């Protein structure tokens, strides 16, 4: 079993792919409390993986080229979002090659904490809407330490919601972030950012959130 951490994957994704191909052994990637498992890749069909790895490398290089004096709060928000999207794209490419569509889940403590943050800042009703559950009590249950955890697809939506909310909250404040998520956004054709979160249109809604935050709340 190959074992690597997220930093290794982002620093040299091509090497990780080559290792999986060469050894034919499963590979575990540690992402905080979660583990993503990669299986051996068919060496005859790695092109999608190579392209995704190349994009991840370009993203990492662009972040490393930023001068220390330019590393503002907005830089770190943007870098986090870009790296998250790059990793998601890379893992999707792995799934396409291996036929493994299993979704990585957050660790129990992490998801409970994330739901607590969202419930406190967006409200449990919005959390319930994002999750698509008819049970009004579920946000409270998911927030409770030691309580149940939502399915992987719901975790993914909640994680996206937190990324979108925090992108604006860090720059404009929590109340502004909430208002933006539930209001019509000109950058999204007048649609609600919240609906983009529910539909998992991550690139579009994160891009709009970042642009709004950088524009000091402009349209």
N, C-alpha and C. Protein backbone atom coordinates (compact mmCIF):
# COMPACT_ATOMS: atom_id res chain seq x y z
N UNK A 1 0.84 -1.19 0.00
CA UNK A 1 0.00 0.00 0.00
C UNK A 1 0.88 1.25 0.00
N UNK A 2 0.69 2.11 -1.02
CA UNK A 2 1.37 3.40 -1.04
C UNK A 2 0.60 4.38 -0.17
N UNK A 3 1.30 5.20 0.60
CA UNK A 3 0.64 6.20 1.44
C UNK A 3 1.31 7.54 1.22
N UNK A 4 0.52 8.53 0.86
CA UNK A 4 1.04 9.88 0.65
C UNK A 4 0.09 10.86 1.30
N UNK A 5 0.55 12.11 1.49
CA UNK A 5 -0.34 13.13 2.03
C UNK A 5 -0.70 14.13 0.94
N UNK A 6 -1.61 15.04 1.26
CA UNK A 6 -2.10 15.98 0.28
C UNK A 6 -0.98 16.86 -0.26
N UNK A 7 -0.04 17.25 0.59
CA UNK A 7 1.05 18.12 0.15
C UNK A 7 1.88 17.45 -0.94
N UNK A 8 2.14 16.15 -0.78
CA UNK A 8 2.89 15.43 -1.80
C UNK A 8 2.14 15.40 -3.12
N UNK A 9 0.83 15.18 -3.06
CA UNK A 9 0.04 15.11 -4.28
C UNK A 9 0.06 16.43 -5.02
N UNK A 10 -0.13 17.54 -4.29
CA UNK A 10 -0.16 18.84 -4.93
C UNK A 10 1.21 19.27 -5.43
N UNK A 11 2.27 18.87 -4.71
CA UNK A 11 3.61 19.27 -5.10
C UNK A 11 4.09 18.55 -6.35
N UNK A 12 3.73 17.29 -6.50
CA UNK A 12 4.22 16.54 -7.66
C UNK A 12 3.19 15.48 -8.06
N UNK A 13 2.04 15.92 -8.63
CA UNK A 13 1.00 14.95 -8.97
C UNK A 13 1.43 13.93 -10.01
N UNK A 14 2.31 14.34 -10.94
CA UNK A 14 2.75 13.39 -11.96
C UNK A 14 3.48 12.20 -11.33
N UNK A 15 4.29 12.50 -10.30
CA UNK A 15 5.04 11.43 -9.64
C UNK A 15 4.09 10.47 -8.92
N UNK A 16 3.02 11.00 -8.34
CA UNK A 16 2.05 10.14 -7.67
C UNK A 16 1.40 9.21 -8.68
N UNK A 17 1.01 9.75 -9.81
CA UNK A 17 0.37 8.94 -10.86
C UNK A 17 1.33 7.86 -11.35
N UNK A 18 2.59 8.24 -11.57
CA UNK A 18 3.57 7.26 -12.06
C UNK A 18 3.76 6.14 -11.03
N UNK A 19 3.73 6.51 -9.74
CA UNK A 19 3.92 5.49 -8.70
C UNK A 19 2.77 4.48 -8.71
N UNK A 20 1.54 5.00 -8.86
CA UNK A 20 0.39 4.10 -8.89
C UNK A 20 0.48 3.17 -10.09
N UNK A 21 0.87 3.74 -11.24
CA UNK A 21 1.00 2.92 -12.45
C UNK A 21 2.10 1.88 -12.30
N UNK A 22 3.25 2.31 -11.76
CA UNK A 22 4.42 1.43 -11.69
C UNK A 22 4.24 0.29 -10.69
N UNK A 23 3.65 0.61 -9.55
CA UNK A 23 3.56 -0.42 -8.50
C UNK A 23 2.32 -1.30 -8.64
N UNK A 24 1.28 -0.73 -9.24
CA UNK A 24 0.03 -1.48 -9.33
C UNK A 24 -0.64 -1.67 -7.98
N UNK A 25 -0.14 -0.98 -6.95
CA UNK A 25 -0.70 -1.12 -5.61
C UNK A 25 -1.68 0.01 -5.31
N UNK A 26 -2.65 -0.23 -4.42
CA UNK A 26 -3.54 0.85 -4.00
C UNK A 26 -2.74 1.96 -3.34
N UNK A 27 -3.24 3.20 -3.44
CA UNK A 27 -2.58 4.35 -2.84
C UNK A 27 -3.57 5.10 -1.98
N UNK A 28 -3.19 5.40 -0.75
CA UNK A 28 -4.02 6.19 0.14
C UNK A 28 -3.50 7.62 0.18
N UNK A 29 -4.42 8.58 0.02
CA UNK A 29 -4.09 10.00 0.13
C UNK A 29 -4.79 10.52 1.37
N UNK A 30 -4.01 11.03 2.31
CA UNK A 30 -4.57 11.57 3.53
C UNK A 30 -4.94 13.04 3.32
N UNK A 31 -6.22 13.40 3.57
CA UNK A 31 -6.69 14.77 3.49
C UNK A 31 -7.35 15.08 4.84
N UNK A 32 -6.56 15.62 5.76
CA UNK A 32 -6.99 15.87 7.13
C UNK A 32 -7.51 14.56 7.73
N UNK A 33 -8.82 14.51 8.09
CA UNK A 33 -9.36 13.31 8.73
C UNK A 33 -9.88 12.30 7.72
N UNK A 34 -9.76 12.60 6.43
CA UNK A 34 -10.32 11.73 5.41
C UNK A 34 -9.22 10.99 4.66
N UNK A 35 -9.58 9.88 4.06
CA UNK A 35 -8.65 9.10 3.26
C UNK A 35 -9.26 8.85 1.89
N UNK A 36 -8.51 9.22 0.85
CA UNK A 36 -8.94 8.95 -0.52
C UNK A 36 -8.06 7.83 -1.06
N UNK A 37 -8.65 6.77 -1.57
CA UNK A 37 -7.89 5.63 -2.05
C UNK A 37 -7.86 5.62 -3.57
N UNK A 38 -6.65 5.51 -4.13
CA UNK A 38 -6.48 5.38 -5.57
C UNK A 38 -6.09 3.95 -5.90
N UNK A 39 -6.63 3.44 -7.01
CA UNK A 39 -6.26 2.11 -7.43
C UNK A 39 -5.32 2.20 -8.62
N UNK A 40 -4.76 1.08 -8.98
CA UNK A 40 -3.81 1.05 -10.08
C UNK A 40 -4.47 1.56 -11.36
N UNK A 41 -3.72 2.31 -12.15
CA UNK A 41 -4.22 2.93 -13.37
C UNK A 41 -3.72 2.15 -14.58
N UNK A 42 -4.58 1.99 -15.56
CA UNK A 42 -4.19 1.34 -16.79
C UNK A 42 -3.19 2.23 -17.52
N UNK A 43 -1.96 1.79 -17.73
CA UNK A 43 -0.96 2.65 -18.36
C UNK A 43 -1.29 2.98 -19.81
N UNK A 44 -2.25 2.28 -20.39
CA UNK A 44 -2.62 2.58 -21.76
C UNK A 44 -3.58 3.76 -21.87
N UNK A 45 -4.21 4.15 -20.75
CA UNK A 45 -5.21 5.22 -20.82
C UNK A 45 -5.05 6.25 -19.70
N UNK A 46 -3.88 6.86 -19.57
CA UNK A 46 -3.68 7.81 -18.49
C UNK A 46 -3.83 9.27 -18.90
N UNK A 47 -4.27 9.55 -20.15
CA UNK A 47 -4.19 10.90 -20.66
C UNK A 47 -4.99 11.89 -19.82
N UNK A 48 -6.21 11.51 -19.42
CA UNK A 48 -7.01 12.42 -18.60
C UNK A 48 -6.34 12.75 -17.29
N UNK A 49 -5.68 11.75 -16.71
CA UNK A 49 -4.97 11.99 -15.46
C UNK A 49 -3.79 12.93 -15.67
N UNK A 50 -3.06 12.73 -16.74
CA UNK A 50 -1.90 13.57 -17.01
C UNK A 50 -2.33 15.01 -17.21
N UNK A 51 -3.44 15.21 -17.93
CA UNK A 51 -3.93 16.57 -18.16
C UNK A 51 -4.36 17.22 -16.84
N UNK A 52 -5.07 16.46 -16.01
CA UNK A 52 -5.50 17.00 -14.72
C UNK A 52 -4.30 17.31 -13.83
N UNK A 53 -3.29 16.43 -13.87
CA UNK A 53 -2.08 16.66 -13.09
C UNK A 53 -1.35 17.90 -13.58
N UNK A 54 -1.34 18.10 -14.90
CA UNK A 54 -0.68 19.27 -15.47
C UNK A 54 -1.37 20.55 -15.00
N UNK A 55 -2.70 20.55 -14.99
CA UNK A 55 -3.44 21.71 -14.53
C UNK A 55 -3.17 21.98 -13.05
N UNK A 56 -3.11 20.90 -12.25
CA UNK A 56 -2.81 21.06 -10.83
C UNK A 56 -1.43 21.65 -10.63
N UNK A 57 -0.48 21.19 -11.43
CA UNK A 57 0.89 21.72 -11.36
C UNK A 57 0.92 23.21 -11.71
N UNK A 58 0.18 23.60 -12.76
CA UNK A 58 0.15 25.00 -13.16
C UNK A 58 -0.44 25.88 -12.05
N UNK A 59 -1.50 25.37 -11.42
CA UNK A 59 -2.12 26.11 -10.33
C UNK A 59 -1.13 26.30 -9.19
N UNK A 60 -0.45 25.23 -8.82
CA UNK A 60 0.51 25.30 -7.73
C UNK A 60 1.65 26.25 -8.07
N UNK A 61 2.14 26.18 -9.29
CA UNK A 61 3.24 27.06 -9.72
C UNK A 61 2.82 28.53 -9.67
N UNK A 62 1.58 28.81 -10.09
CA UNK A 62 1.12 30.20 -10.09
C UNK A 62 1.01 30.75 -8.68
N UNK A 63 0.65 29.88 -7.74
CA UNK A 63 0.56 30.31 -6.34
C UNK A 63 1.95 30.54 -5.77
N UNK A 64 2.88 29.65 -6.10
CA UNK A 64 4.24 29.78 -5.58
C UNK A 64 4.96 31.00 -6.14
N UNK A 65 4.52 31.51 -7.29
CA UNK A 65 5.17 32.67 -7.92
C UNK A 65 4.78 33.99 -7.26
N UNK A 66 3.78 33.97 -6.39
CA UNK A 66 3.32 35.21 -5.76
C UNK A 66 4.33 35.66 -4.70
N UNK A 67 4.68 36.93 -4.75
CA UNK A 67 5.65 37.48 -3.79
C UNK A 67 5.03 37.52 -2.39
N UNK A 68 5.86 37.30 -1.35
CA UNK A 68 5.33 37.31 0.03
C UNK A 68 4.54 38.57 0.37
N UNK A 69 4.98 39.73 -0.13
CA UNK A 69 4.27 40.97 0.19
C UNK A 69 2.87 41.02 -0.41
N UNK A 70 2.61 40.19 -1.42
CA UNK A 70 1.30 40.17 -2.08
C UNK A 70 0.37 39.09 -1.52
N UNK A 71 0.82 38.37 -0.49
CA UNK A 71 0.01 37.29 0.07
C UNK A 71 -0.96 37.84 1.10
N UNK A 72 -2.02 38.45 0.59
CA UNK A 72 -3.05 39.04 1.44
C UNK A 72 -4.07 37.98 1.85
N UNK A 73 -5.04 38.41 2.63
CA UNK A 73 -6.11 37.49 3.01
C UNK A 73 -6.83 36.97 1.78
N UNK A 74 -7.08 37.84 0.81
CA UNK A 74 -7.76 37.42 -0.42
C UNK A 74 -6.92 36.42 -1.21
N UNK A 75 -5.59 36.57 -1.14
CA UNK A 75 -4.72 35.60 -1.82
C UNK A 75 -4.93 34.21 -1.24
N UNK A 76 -4.96 34.11 0.09
CA UNK A 76 -5.11 32.79 0.70
C UNK A 76 -6.49 32.19 0.43
N UNK A 77 -7.53 33.02 0.40
CA UNK A 77 -8.86 32.52 0.06
C UNK A 77 -8.86 31.99 -1.37
N UNK A 78 -8.29 32.77 -2.28
CA UNK A 78 -8.24 32.36 -3.68
C UNK A 78 -7.41 31.09 -3.85
N UNK A 79 -6.25 31.04 -3.19
CA UNK A 79 -5.39 29.86 -3.30
C UNK A 79 -6.08 28.61 -2.78
N UNK A 80 -6.78 28.73 -1.66
CA UNK A 80 -7.50 27.59 -1.11
C UNK A 80 -8.54 27.07 -2.09
N UNK A 81 -9.32 28.00 -2.66
CA UNK A 81 -10.35 27.59 -3.60
C UNK A 81 -9.76 26.94 -4.85
N UNK A 82 -8.68 27.53 -5.38
CA UNK A 82 -8.07 26.99 -6.59
C UNK A 82 -7.48 25.60 -6.34
N UNK A 83 -6.82 25.42 -5.20
CA UNK A 83 -6.25 24.11 -4.89
C UNK A 83 -7.34 23.07 -4.66
N UNK A 84 -8.42 23.48 -4.02
CA UNK A 84 -9.53 22.55 -3.80
C UNK A 84 -10.13 22.10 -5.12
N UNK A 85 -10.35 23.05 -6.02
CA UNK A 85 -10.91 22.71 -7.33
C UNK A 85 -9.94 21.84 -8.13
N UNK A 86 -8.64 22.15 -8.03
CA UNK A 86 -7.65 21.35 -8.75
C UNK A 86 -7.60 19.92 -8.26
N UNK A 87 -7.68 19.75 -6.93
CA UNK A 87 -7.67 18.40 -6.37
C UNK A 87 -8.93 17.65 -6.76
N UNK A 88 -10.08 18.35 -6.74
CA UNK A 88 -11.33 17.69 -7.13
C UNK A 88 -11.24 17.21 -8.59
N UNK A 89 -10.71 18.05 -9.47
CA UNK A 89 -10.58 17.68 -10.88
C UNK A 89 -9.66 16.48 -11.04
N UNK A 90 -8.56 16.48 -10.29
CA UNK A 90 -7.61 15.38 -10.37
C UNK A 90 -8.24 14.08 -9.89
N UNK A 91 -8.98 14.14 -8.80
CA UNK A 91 -9.61 12.93 -8.28
C UNK A 91 -10.71 12.43 -9.21
N UNK A 92 -11.42 13.34 -9.87
CA UNK A 92 -12.43 12.92 -10.84
C UNK A 92 -11.77 12.21 -12.01
N UNK A 93 -10.59 12.70 -12.43
CA UNK A 93 -9.87 12.04 -13.51
C UNK A 93 -9.43 10.65 -13.09
N UNK A 94 -9.02 10.51 -11.83
CA UNK A 94 -8.65 9.20 -11.31
C UNK A 94 -9.86 8.27 -11.35
N UNK A 95 -11.02 8.78 -10.92
CA UNK A 95 -12.22 7.96 -10.94
C UNK A 95 -12.56 7.47 -12.34
N UNK A 96 -12.39 8.35 -13.33
CA UNK A 96 -12.69 7.97 -14.71
C UNK A 96 -11.79 6.84 -15.19
N UNK A 97 -10.53 6.86 -14.76
CA UNK A 97 -9.57 5.86 -15.20
C UNK A 97 -9.73 4.54 -14.46
N UNK A 98 -10.10 4.63 -13.19
CA UNK A 98 -10.16 3.40 -12.38
C UNK A 98 -11.55 2.83 -12.26
N UNK A 99 -12.57 3.62 -12.63
CA UNK A 99 -13.93 3.17 -12.46
C UNK A 99 -14.40 3.26 -11.03
N UNK A 100 -13.64 3.94 -10.20
CA UNK A 100 -13.99 4.08 -8.78
C UNK A 100 -14.69 5.41 -8.60
N UNK A 101 -16.00 5.37 -8.33
CA UNK A 101 -16.78 6.60 -8.16
C UNK A 101 -17.07 6.90 -6.71
N UNK A 102 -16.40 6.20 -5.79
CA UNK A 102 -16.66 6.42 -4.37
C UNK A 102 -16.27 7.84 -3.99
N UNK A 103 -17.11 8.49 -3.22
CA UNK A 103 -16.86 9.86 -2.79
C UNK A 103 -16.09 9.87 -1.48
N UNK A 104 -14.99 10.69 -1.38
CA UNK A 104 -14.31 10.82 -0.10
C UNK A 104 -15.19 11.55 0.89
N UNK A 105 -15.26 11.05 2.10
CA UNK A 105 -16.08 11.68 3.13
C UNK A 105 -15.21 12.47 4.09
N UNK A 106 -15.81 13.51 4.68
CA UNK A 106 -15.12 14.24 5.72
C UNK A 106 -15.07 13.38 6.99
N UNK A 107 -14.10 13.67 7.86
CA UNK A 107 -14.05 12.99 9.14
C UNK A 107 -15.22 13.43 10.00
N UNK A 108 -15.69 12.58 10.92
CA UNK A 108 -16.86 12.92 11.75
C UNK A 108 -16.72 14.26 12.47
N UNK A 109 -15.59 14.49 13.12
CA UNK A 109 -15.41 15.74 13.86
C UNK A 109 -15.46 16.94 12.92
N UNK A 110 -14.88 16.78 11.73
CA UNK A 110 -14.86 17.88 10.77
C UNK A 110 -16.25 18.22 10.26
N UNK A 111 -17.03 17.21 9.92
CA UNK A 111 -18.36 17.49 9.37
C UNK A 111 -19.27 18.05 10.45
N UNK A 112 -19.16 17.55 11.69
CA UNK A 112 -19.97 18.12 12.77
C UNK A 112 -19.65 19.60 12.95
N UNK A 113 -18.36 19.94 12.96
CA UNK A 113 -17.96 21.33 13.12
C UNK A 113 -18.40 22.19 11.95
N UNK A 114 -18.30 21.65 10.74
CA UNK A 114 -18.70 22.41 9.56
C UNK A 114 -20.20 22.72 9.59
N UNK A 115 -21.00 21.74 9.97
CA UNK A 115 -22.45 21.96 10.05
C UNK A 115 -22.77 22.98 11.13
N UNK A 116 -22.05 22.95 12.24
CA UNK A 116 -22.28 23.94 13.29
C UNK A 116 -22.01 25.36 12.78
N UNK A 117 -20.92 25.52 12.05
CA UNK A 117 -20.59 26.84 11.49
C UNK A 117 -21.67 27.30 10.52
N UNK A 118 -22.08 26.41 9.63
CA UNK A 118 -23.11 26.79 8.65
C UNK A 118 -24.44 27.09 9.33
N UNK A 119 -24.82 26.29 10.31
CA UNK A 119 -26.10 26.51 11.00
C UNK A 119 -26.09 27.83 11.75
N UNK A 120 -24.95 28.18 12.34
CA UNK A 120 -24.86 29.42 13.10
C UNK A 120 -24.88 30.64 12.20
N UNK A 121 -24.36 30.52 10.98
CA UNK A 121 -24.21 31.68 10.11
C UNK A 121 -25.24 31.75 8.98
N UNK A 122 -25.69 30.61 8.50
CA UNK A 122 -26.71 30.60 7.45
C UNK A 122 -28.09 30.26 8.00
N UNK A 123 -28.12 29.56 9.12
CA UNK A 123 -29.37 29.11 9.71
C UNK A 123 -29.66 27.67 9.34
N UNK A 124 -30.25 26.92 10.26
CA UNK A 124 -30.51 25.50 10.00
C UNK A 124 -31.46 25.26 8.83
N UNK A 125 -32.37 26.20 8.56
CA UNK A 125 -33.29 26.00 7.43
C UNK A 125 -32.55 26.00 6.10
N UNK A 126 -31.56 26.89 5.96
CA UNK A 126 -30.78 26.91 4.73
C UNK A 126 -29.90 25.66 4.64
N UNK A 127 -29.35 25.23 5.76
CA UNK A 127 -28.57 23.99 5.76
C UNK A 127 -29.45 22.82 5.33
N UNK A 128 -30.66 22.79 5.82
CA UNK A 128 -31.60 21.74 5.43
C UNK A 128 -31.90 21.80 3.94
N UNK A 129 -32.06 23.01 3.41
CA UNK A 129 -32.32 23.18 1.98
C UNK A 129 -31.16 22.70 1.14
N UNK A 130 -29.95 23.05 1.55
CA UNK A 130 -28.76 22.61 0.82
C UNK A 130 -28.68 21.09 0.81
N UNK A 131 -28.98 20.49 1.94
CA UNK A 131 -28.88 19.03 2.06
C UNK A 131 -29.99 18.31 1.32
N UNK A 132 -31.11 19.01 1.06
CA UNK A 132 -32.21 18.37 0.36
C UNK A 132 -32.96 17.36 1.21
N UNK A 133 -33.00 17.58 2.51
CA UNK A 133 -33.70 16.67 3.41
C UNK A 133 -35.02 17.27 3.86
N UNK A 134 -36.00 16.43 4.06
CA UNK A 134 -37.30 16.88 4.57
C UNK A 134 -37.35 16.92 6.09
N UNK A 135 -36.31 16.42 6.72
CA UNK A 135 -36.25 16.35 8.18
C UNK A 135 -35.61 17.61 8.74
N UNK A 136 -36.42 18.48 9.35
CA UNK A 136 -35.91 19.74 9.89
C UNK A 136 -34.91 19.53 11.02
N UNK A 137 -34.94 18.37 11.65
CA UNK A 137 -34.05 18.12 12.79
C UNK A 137 -32.65 17.69 12.36
N UNK A 138 -32.46 17.35 11.09
CA UNK A 138 -31.17 16.77 10.68
C UNK A 138 -29.98 17.72 10.83
N UNK A 139 -30.09 19.02 10.49
CA UNK A 139 -28.94 19.90 10.71
C UNK A 139 -28.46 19.87 12.15
N UNK A 140 -29.40 19.86 13.10
CA UNK A 140 -29.01 19.79 14.50
C UNK A 140 -28.35 18.47 14.85
N UNK A 141 -28.85 17.39 14.27
CA UNK A 141 -28.27 16.08 14.52
C UNK A 141 -26.86 16.00 13.94
N UNK A 142 -26.68 16.53 12.73
CA UNK A 142 -25.36 16.49 12.09
C UNK A 142 -24.35 17.37 12.80
N UNK A 143 -24.84 18.41 13.48
CA UNK A 143 -23.94 19.32 14.19
C UNK A 143 -23.52 18.79 15.56
N UNK A 144 -24.25 17.82 16.05
CA UNK A 144 -24.00 17.31 17.41
C UNK A 144 -22.79 16.38 17.44
N UNK A 145 -21.78 16.68 18.28
CA UNK A 145 -20.63 15.76 18.40
C UNK A 145 -21.10 14.36 18.76
N UNK A 146 -20.63 13.39 18.02
CA UNK A 146 -21.04 12.02 18.24
C UNK A 146 -22.34 11.66 17.55
N UNK A 147 -22.96 12.64 16.88
CA UNK A 147 -24.20 12.38 16.18
C UNK A 147 -23.96 11.76 14.83
N UNK A 148 -25.04 11.53 14.07
CA UNK A 148 -24.89 10.95 12.73
C UNK A 148 -24.22 11.92 11.78
N UNK A 149 -23.68 11.41 10.70
CA UNK A 149 -23.08 12.25 9.68
C UNK A 149 -23.90 12.14 8.40
N UNK A 150 -23.97 13.21 7.62
CA UNK A 150 -24.75 13.16 6.38
C UNK A 150 -24.06 12.31 5.33
N UNK A 151 -24.80 11.86 4.31
CA UNK A 151 -24.19 11.09 3.22
C UNK A 151 -23.10 11.90 2.52
N UNK A 152 -22.26 11.21 1.78
CA UNK A 152 -21.11 11.86 1.13
C UNK A 152 -21.54 12.95 0.17
N UNK A 153 -22.65 12.76 -0.58
CA UNK A 153 -23.06 13.79 -1.52
C UNK A 153 -23.54 15.04 -0.80
N UNK A 154 -24.16 14.88 0.36
CA UNK A 154 -24.58 16.03 1.15
C UNK A 154 -23.36 16.73 1.76
N UNK A 155 -22.41 15.95 2.21
CA UNK A 155 -21.17 16.54 2.74
C UNK A 155 -20.50 17.41 1.69
N UNK A 156 -20.50 16.93 0.47
CA UNK A 156 -19.87 17.69 -0.62
C UNK A 156 -20.56 19.04 -0.81
N UNK A 157 -21.89 19.05 -0.78
CA UNK A 157 -22.63 20.30 -0.93
C UNK A 157 -22.39 21.23 0.25
N UNK A 158 -22.35 20.68 1.44
CA UNK A 158 -22.11 21.50 2.62
C UNK A 158 -20.71 22.09 2.61
N UNK A 159 -19.76 21.31 2.15
CA UNK A 159 -18.39 21.82 2.05
C UNK A 159 -18.31 22.96 1.04
N UNK A 160 -19.02 22.81 -0.09
CA UNK A 160 -19.05 23.88 -1.09
C UNK A 160 -19.72 25.12 -0.51
N UNK A 161 -20.82 24.93 0.21
CA UNK A 161 -21.51 26.06 0.83
C UNK A 161 -20.58 26.81 1.78
N UNK A 162 -19.80 26.06 2.54
CA UNK A 162 -18.86 26.70 3.47
C UNK A 162 -17.77 27.46 2.72
N UNK A 163 -17.29 26.90 1.63
CA UNK A 163 -16.27 27.60 0.83
C UNK A 163 -16.82 28.92 0.30
N UNK A 164 -18.02 28.87 -0.25
CA UNK A 164 -18.63 30.07 -0.82
C UNK A 164 -18.87 31.11 0.28
N UNK A 165 -19.50 30.68 1.37
CA UNK A 165 -19.79 31.61 2.45
C UNK A 165 -18.51 32.22 3.02
N UNK A 166 -17.50 31.39 3.30
CA UNK A 166 -16.28 31.90 3.93
C UNK A 166 -15.50 32.82 3.02
N UNK A 167 -15.58 32.60 1.70
CA UNK A 167 -14.88 33.47 0.76
C UNK A 167 -15.33 34.91 0.93
N UNK A 168 -16.63 35.12 1.05
CA UNK A 168 -17.16 36.47 1.22
C UNK A 168 -17.09 36.92 2.67
N UNK A 169 -17.35 36.02 3.60
CA UNK A 169 -17.35 36.39 5.02
C UNK A 169 -16.00 36.92 5.46
N UNK A 170 -14.92 36.32 4.99
CA UNK A 170 -13.59 36.77 5.38
C UNK A 170 -13.28 38.17 4.87
N UNK A 171 -13.89 38.55 3.75
CA UNK A 171 -13.62 39.85 3.16
C UNK A 171 -14.66 40.90 3.53
N UNK A 172 -15.94 40.48 3.64
CA UNK A 172 -17.02 41.45 3.81
C UNK A 172 -17.80 41.27 5.10
N UNK A 173 -17.65 40.13 5.75
CA UNK A 173 -18.40 39.88 6.97
C UNK A 173 -19.45 38.80 6.77
N UNK A 174 -19.83 38.15 7.86
CA UNK A 174 -20.74 37.01 7.80
C UNK A 174 -22.12 37.40 7.30
N UNK A 175 -22.63 38.57 7.73
CA UNK A 175 -23.97 38.98 7.32
C UNK A 175 -24.02 39.27 5.82
N UNK A 176 -22.99 39.89 5.30
CA UNK A 176 -22.92 40.18 3.87
C UNK A 176 -22.87 38.86 3.08
N UNK A 177 -22.10 37.91 3.59
CA UNK A 177 -21.99 36.62 2.92
C UNK A 177 -23.33 35.91 2.84
N UNK A 178 -24.08 35.94 3.94
CA UNK A 178 -25.41 35.33 3.95
C UNK A 178 -26.33 36.02 2.95
N UNK A 179 -26.34 37.35 2.98
CA UNK A 179 -27.21 38.10 2.06
C UNK A 179 -26.87 37.79 0.61
N UNK A 180 -25.58 37.66 0.32
CA UNK A 180 -25.18 37.37 -1.07
C UNK A 180 -25.64 35.99 -1.50
N UNK A 181 -25.54 35.03 -0.62
CA UNK A 181 -25.89 33.66 -0.99
C UNK A 181 -27.37 33.49 -1.30
N UNK A 182 -28.22 34.27 -0.65
CA UNK A 182 -29.67 34.09 -0.83
C UNK A 182 -30.28 35.20 -1.68
N UNK A 183 -29.43 36.05 -2.26
CA UNK A 183 -29.92 37.13 -3.12
C UNK A 183 -29.56 36.88 -4.57
N UNK A 184 -30.24 37.59 -5.47
CA UNK A 184 -29.96 37.46 -6.90
C UNK A 184 -28.57 38.01 -7.21
N UNK A 185 -27.80 37.25 -7.97
CA UNK A 185 -26.43 37.65 -8.30
C UNK A 185 -26.33 37.98 -9.79
N UNK A 186 -25.98 39.23 -10.14
CA UNK A 186 -25.80 39.57 -11.55
C UNK A 186 -24.74 38.71 -12.23
N UNK A 187 -23.73 38.31 -11.46
CA UNK A 187 -22.67 37.48 -12.05
C UNK A 187 -23.15 36.08 -12.39
N UNK A 188 -24.28 35.69 -11.83
CA UNK A 188 -24.85 34.36 -12.09
C UNK A 188 -26.17 34.49 -12.85
N UNK A 189 -26.27 35.55 -13.63
CA UNK A 189 -27.46 35.74 -14.45
C UNK A 189 -28.71 36.04 -13.66
N UNK A 190 -28.54 36.61 -12.47
CA UNK A 190 -29.69 36.93 -11.63
C UNK A 190 -30.18 35.77 -10.78
N UNK A 191 -29.51 34.63 -10.87
CA UNK A 191 -29.91 33.47 -10.08
C UNK A 191 -29.34 33.56 -8.66
N UNK A 192 -29.85 32.71 -7.79
CA UNK A 192 -29.37 32.67 -6.41
C UNK A 192 -28.10 31.83 -6.31
N UNK A 193 -27.04 32.35 -5.70
CA UNK A 193 -25.85 31.53 -5.47
C UNK A 193 -26.17 30.25 -4.72
N UNK A 194 -27.14 30.31 -3.82
CA UNK A 194 -27.52 29.12 -3.06
C UNK A 194 -27.95 27.99 -3.99
N UNK A 195 -28.65 28.31 -5.07
CA UNK A 195 -29.08 27.28 -6.00
C UNK A 195 -27.88 26.65 -6.71
N UNK A 196 -26.87 27.46 -6.98
CA UNK A 196 -25.65 26.93 -7.60
C UNK A 196 -24.94 25.98 -6.66
N UNK A 197 -24.99 26.27 -5.37
CA UNK A 197 -24.41 25.36 -4.38
C UNK A 197 -25.18 24.04 -4.39
N UNK A 198 -26.50 24.12 -4.38
CA UNK A 198 -27.33 22.92 -4.38
C UNK A 198 -27.08 22.08 -5.62
N UNK A 199 -26.89 22.76 -6.76
CA UNK A 199 -26.66 22.07 -8.03
C UNK A 199 -25.19 21.67 -8.21
N UNK A 200 -24.35 22.05 -7.24
CA UNK A 200 -22.91 21.73 -7.25
C UNK A 200 -22.20 22.31 -8.48
N UNK A 201 -22.56 23.51 -8.82
CA UNK A 201 -21.87 24.22 -9.91
C UNK A 201 -20.74 25.02 -9.28
N UNK A 202 -19.74 24.28 -8.83
CA UNK A 202 -18.71 24.84 -7.96
C UNK A 202 -17.88 25.92 -8.64
N UNK A 203 -17.41 25.67 -9.85
CA UNK A 203 -16.55 26.65 -10.51
C UNK A 203 -17.26 27.99 -10.65
N UNK A 204 -18.52 27.96 -11.05
CA UNK A 204 -19.25 29.20 -11.30
C UNK A 204 -19.53 29.96 -10.01
N UNK A 205 -20.02 29.27 -9.00
CA UNK A 205 -20.40 29.98 -7.78
C UNK A 205 -19.18 30.44 -6.99
N UNK A 206 -18.11 29.65 -6.98
CA UNK A 206 -16.90 30.08 -6.30
C UNK A 206 -16.25 31.25 -7.02
N UNK A 207 -16.28 31.21 -8.35
CA UNK A 207 -15.74 32.33 -9.12
C UNK A 207 -16.51 33.61 -8.86
N UNK A 208 -17.84 33.50 -8.80
CA UNK A 208 -18.67 34.67 -8.53
C UNK A 208 -18.44 35.19 -7.11
N UNK A 209 -18.30 34.29 -6.16
CA UNK A 209 -18.07 34.70 -4.77
C UNK A 209 -16.73 35.41 -4.63
N UNK A 210 -15.71 34.88 -5.27
CA UNK A 210 -14.39 35.49 -5.19
C UNK A 210 -14.39 36.87 -5.85
N UNK A 211 -15.04 36.97 -7.01
CA UNK A 211 -15.11 38.26 -7.70
C UNK A 211 -15.87 39.29 -6.84
N UNK A 212 -16.95 38.87 -6.21
CA UNK A 212 -17.72 39.77 -5.35
C UNK A 212 -16.87 40.23 -4.16
N UNK A 213 -16.16 39.30 -3.54
CA UNK A 213 -15.33 39.65 -2.39
C UNK A 213 -14.20 40.59 -2.79
N UNK A 214 -13.58 40.35 -3.92
CA UNK A 214 -12.48 41.20 -4.38
C UNK A 214 -12.94 42.56 -4.80
N UNK A 215 -14.23 42.65 -5.22
CA UNK A 215 -14.77 43.90 -5.72
C UNK A 215 -15.41 44.73 -4.62
N UNK A 216 -15.13 44.35 -3.35
CA UNK A 216 -15.68 45.06 -2.19
C UNK A 216 -17.20 45.16 -2.23
N UNK A 217 -17.80 44.03 -2.68
CA UNK A 217 -19.26 43.99 -2.65
C UNK A 217 -19.91 44.57 -3.88
N UNK A 218 -19.15 44.92 -4.90
CA UNK A 218 -19.76 45.45 -6.13
C UNK A 218 -20.48 44.36 -6.88
N UNK A 219 -21.30 44.77 -7.86
CA UNK A 219 -22.09 43.83 -8.62
C UNK A 219 -21.25 43.02 -9.57
